[in-house]
Amino acid sequence: MYNFKEEQVNLFSNLVINNIQMVSSLSKMQLLDIQNDDIKEQIKLFTSRILTANLIQKFYCQINNYKQIDIYDCFVELIKIMRSIYSINISVNIECRIKFIDVNFLNSIMMITNELLITSISHREQKENNENIYISFSQLENNYILLYKDNFVDYKICTMKQGGLNLIDGLINQHFGKIKYFTEDQGVKLIINIPTI
């Protein structure tokens, strides 16, 4: 049976994806002409956010009931985006202890992870190639738990609350969540709790 409403939602979603892809392509082309490194970094930041939004929209379109999305696949695709934009080969280990995430939390979790990855990338030394990042996503009772470990980024950087880290705080606060920072022998560990109810 033909479902007009579903057809319209799919059409709108495809239009959004196409528009985001066009903006992303234009920003990547702009990078080729810019010499200033600071401006290049800002365009990369913008591009990563646009592509992450595009990724989220693609996953929304792939599900039938608009209820649950495979979170591991989302993380894998996000890492591919970051590697393509920043031309880096950092080691990222992903562990998901649950398979699906409620669609209402996907946007925040992906944008938070995007900003954490950008922080890791932008604060590493250019000569460093041995950076390791560990991402774990799980659910404990009525909380989603995102654990992020980076063996390079300093604890002080995470507590400065600049740029993307302010955005992370805003996204966490929207869900009445909490973030904790811990120093490690090398780098930093963050634990983000987001209530699901």
Protein backbone atom coordinates (compact mmCIF):
# COMPACT_ATOMS: atom_id res chain seq x y z
CA MET A 1 0.00 0.00 0.00
CA TYR A 2 1.32 3.46 -0.94
CA ASN A 3 2.18 5.62 2.04
CA PHE A 4 2.21 9.30 1.04
CA LYS A 5 3.61 10.53 4.35
CA GLU A 6 6.51 8.06 4.28
CA GLU A 7 7.24 8.97 0.66
CA GLN A 8 7.39 12.67 1.56
CA VAL A 9 9.72 12.01 4.51
CA ASN A 10 12.06 10.00 2.28
CA LEU A 11 12.01 12.69 -0.39
CA PHE A 12 12.80 15.40 2.14
CA SER A 13 15.59 13.30 3.67
CA ASN A 14 17.18 12.74 0.27
CA LEU A 15 17.03 16.46 -0.47
CA VAL A 16 18.76 17.22 2.84
CA ILE A 17 21.50 14.65 2.12
CA ASN A 18 22.08 16.04 -1.38
CA ASN A 19 22.30 19.63 -0.11
CA ILE A 20 24.71 18.67 2.65
CA GLN A 21 26.90 16.77 0.17
CA MET A 22 27.00 19.82 -2.10
CA VAL A 23 28.05 22.14 0.74
CA SER A 24 30.69 19.62 1.82
CA SER A 25 32.08 19.33 -1.71
CA LEU A 26 32.28 23.11 -2.04
CA SER A 27 34.14 23.44 1.26
CA LYS A 28 36.61 20.72 0.22
CA MET A 29 37.22 22.53 -3.08
CA GLN A 30 37.81 25.76 -1.18
CA LEU A 31 40.57 24.07 0.81
CA LEU A 32 42.62 23.66 -2.38
CA ASP A 33 42.89 27.44 -2.86
CA ILE A 34 43.63 28.55 0.70
CA GLN A 35 47.19 29.05 1.93
CA ASN A 36 46.50 30.21 5.49
CA ASP A 37 46.73 27.21 7.86
CA ASP A 38 44.34 28.66 10.45
CA ILE A 39 41.63 29.19 7.85
CA LYS A 40 42.23 25.69 6.48
CA GLU A 41 41.67 24.22 9.96
CA GLN A 42 38.43 26.16 10.36
CA ILE A 43 37.17 24.88 7.00
CA LYS A 44 38.11 21.32 7.99
CA LEU A 45 36.21 21.77 11.25
CA PHE A 46 33.17 23.06 9.37
CA THR A 47 33.41 20.21 6.84
CA SER A 48 33.63 17.54 9.54
CA ARG A 49 30.50 18.89 11.23
CA ILE A 50 28.62 19.04 7.92
CA LEU A 51 29.65 15.49 6.98
CA THR A 52 28.73 14.20 10.43
CA ALA A 53 25.28 15.76 10.06
CA ASN A 54 25.05 14.12 6.63
CA LEU A 55 26.06 10.77 8.09
CA ILE A 56 23.35 11.04 10.74
CA GLN A 57 20.77 11.86 8.09
CA LYS A 58 21.85 8.85 6.01
CA PHE A 59 21.37 6.53 8.96
CA TYR A 60 17.95 8.04 9.62
CA CYS A 61 16.96 7.17 6.05
CA GLN A 62 18.17 3.57 6.33
CA ILE A 63 15.85 2.49 9.09
CA ASN A 64 12.25 1.51 8.62
CA ASN A 65 10.74 2.26 12.00
CA TYR A 66 12.81 5.35 12.90
CA LYS A 67 13.43 3.84 16.33
CA GLN A 68 16.88 2.23 16.47
CA ILE A 69 20.18 2.59 14.60
CA ASP A 70 23.29 0.39 14.69
CA ILE A 71 25.73 2.53 16.69
CA TYR A 72 28.88 0.62 15.74
CA ASP A 73 28.31 1.32 12.04
CA CYS A 74 27.86 5.01 12.86
CA PHE A 75 31.19 5.17 14.69
CA VAL A 76 33.01 3.36 11.87
CA GLU A 77 31.64 5.75 9.26
CA LEU A 78 32.49 8.76 11.43
CA ILE A 79 36.12 7.61 11.71
CA LYS A 80 36.28 7.29 7.91
CA ILE A 81 35.05 10.86 7.57
CA MET A 82 37.69 12.19 9.98
CA ARG A 83 40.48 10.29 8.23
CA SER A 84 39.43 11.63 4.84
CA ILE A 85 39.22 15.26 5.98
CA TYR A 86 42.38 15.39 8.05
CA SER A 87 44.47 12.90 6.04
CA ILE A 88 45.66 11.14 9.17
CA ASN A 89 46.06 7.54 10.18
CA ILE A 90 45.47 7.49 13.91
CA SER A 91 44.53 4.21 15.52
CA VAL A 92 40.93 4.17 16.73
CA ASN A 93 39.52 1.17 18.58
CA ILE A 94 35.75 0.98 18.89
CA GLU A 95 33.84 -1.22 21.30
CA CYS A 96 30.05 -1.19 21.41
CA ARG A 97 28.45 -3.24 24.14
CA ILE A 98 25.01 -2.58 22.74
CA LYS A 99 24.06 -2.91 19.09
CA PHE A 100 21.40 -0.25 18.72
CA ILE A 101 20.91 3.31 19.89
CA ASP A 102 17.59 5.06 20.19
CA VAL A 103 17.22 7.45 17.27
CA ASN A 104 16.54 10.37 19.64
CA PHE A 105 20.13 10.19 20.94
CA LEU A 106 22.03 9.51 17.71
CA ASN A 107 22.61 13.14 16.75
CA SER A 108 24.07 14.12 20.13
CA ILE A 109 26.29 11.03 20.47
CA MET A 110 27.72 11.44 16.95
CA MET A 111 28.30 15.19 17.30
CA ILE A 112 29.95 14.70 20.72
CA THR A 113 32.24 12.03 19.26
CA ASN A 114 33.01 14.24 16.27
CA GLU A 115 34.09 17.10 18.54
CA LEU A 116 36.22 14.76 20.69
CA LEU A 117 37.98 13.45 17.60
CA ILE A 118 38.58 16.98 16.31
CA THR A 119 40.07 17.93 19.69
CA SER A 120 42.36 14.91 19.53
CA ILE A 121 43.46 15.67 15.99
CA SER A 122 43.95 19.41 16.41
CA HIS A 123 46.06 19.13 19.58
CA ARG A 124 48.48 16.45 18.47
CA GLU A 125 51.95 17.29 17.26
CA GLN A 126 52.39 17.00 13.52
CA LYS A 127 55.20 14.49 13.93
CA GLU A 128 53.14 12.16 16.12
CA ASN A 129 51.85 9.08 14.33
CA ASN A 130 51.35 6.77 17.28
CA GLU A 131 48.23 8.31 18.74
CA ASN A 132 45.69 5.79 19.96
CA ILE A 133 42.04 6.53 20.61
CA TYR A 134 39.60 4.17 22.30
CA ILE A 135 35.83 4.65 22.06
CA SER A 136 33.42 2.53 24.08
CA PHE A 137 29.65 2.83 24.00
CA SER A 138 27.37 0.96 26.39
CA GLN A 139 24.17 1.20 28.36
CA LEU A 140 23.90 0.84 32.10
CA GLU A 141 20.34 0.79 33.37
CA ASN A 142 18.83 4.06 32.10
CA ASN A 143 22.08 5.68 30.94
CA TYR A 144 24.06 5.64 27.72
CA ILE A 145 27.78 5.69 28.56
CA LEU A 146 30.34 7.01 26.10
CA LEU A 147 33.92 6.40 27.17
CA TYR A 148 36.64 8.17 25.20
CA LYS A 149 40.35 7.63 25.82
CA ASP A 150 43.17 9.41 24.02
CA ASN A 151 46.81 8.68 24.78
CA PHE A 152 47.98 12.03 23.46
CA VAL A 153 45.64 14.89 24.41
CA ASP A 154 46.48 16.54 27.71
CA TYR A 155 43.95 16.76 30.54
CA LYS A 156 44.39 20.56 30.67
CA ILE A 157 43.19 20.91 27.08
CA CYS A 158 39.95 19.14 27.95
CA THR A 159 39.25 21.40 30.91
CA MET A 160 39.84 24.65 28.98
CA LYS A 161 36.28 24.47 27.59
CA GLN A 162 37.01 26.05 24.26
CA GLY A 163 35.39 25.65 20.86
CA GLY A 164 34.12 22.13 20.32
CA LEU A 165 34.37 21.30 24.02
CA ASN A 166 31.76 23.96 24.73
CA LEU A 167 29.57 22.35 22.09
CA ILE A 168 30.04 18.98 23.82
CA ASP A 169 28.94 20.49 27.14
CA GLY A 170 25.86 21.97 25.47
CA LEU A 171 24.86 18.65 23.90
CA ILE A 172 25.35 16.79 27.18
CA ASN A 173 23.32 19.40 29.09
CA GLN A 174 20.44 19.05 26.60
CA HIS A 175 20.03 15.48 27.81
CA PHE A 176 20.74 16.33 31.49
CA GLY A 177 23.92 14.25 31.21
CA LYS A 178 27.30 14.47 32.93
CA ILE A 179 30.93 14.39 31.83
CA LYS A 180 33.95 13.42 33.91
CA TYR A 181 37.62 13.85 33.00
CA PHE A 182 40.42 11.61 34.25
CA THR A 183 44.15 11.84 33.74
CA GLU A 184 45.88 8.73 32.47
CA ASP A 185 49.58 7.79 32.39
CA GLN A 186 49.44 9.01 28.83
CA GLY A 187 46.63 11.32 27.78
CA VAL A 188 43.10 11.61 29.11
CA LYS A 189 39.92 9.60 29.64
CA LEU A 190 36.40 11.05 29.46
CA ILE A 191 33.25 9.35 30.64
CA ILE A 192 29.97 10.80 29.43
CA ASN A 193 26.67 9.65 30.97
CA ILE A 194 23.46 10.48 29.15
CA PRO A 195 20.13 9.47 30.73
CA THR A 196 17.79 7.66 28.36
CA ILE A 197 14.62 8.62 30.23
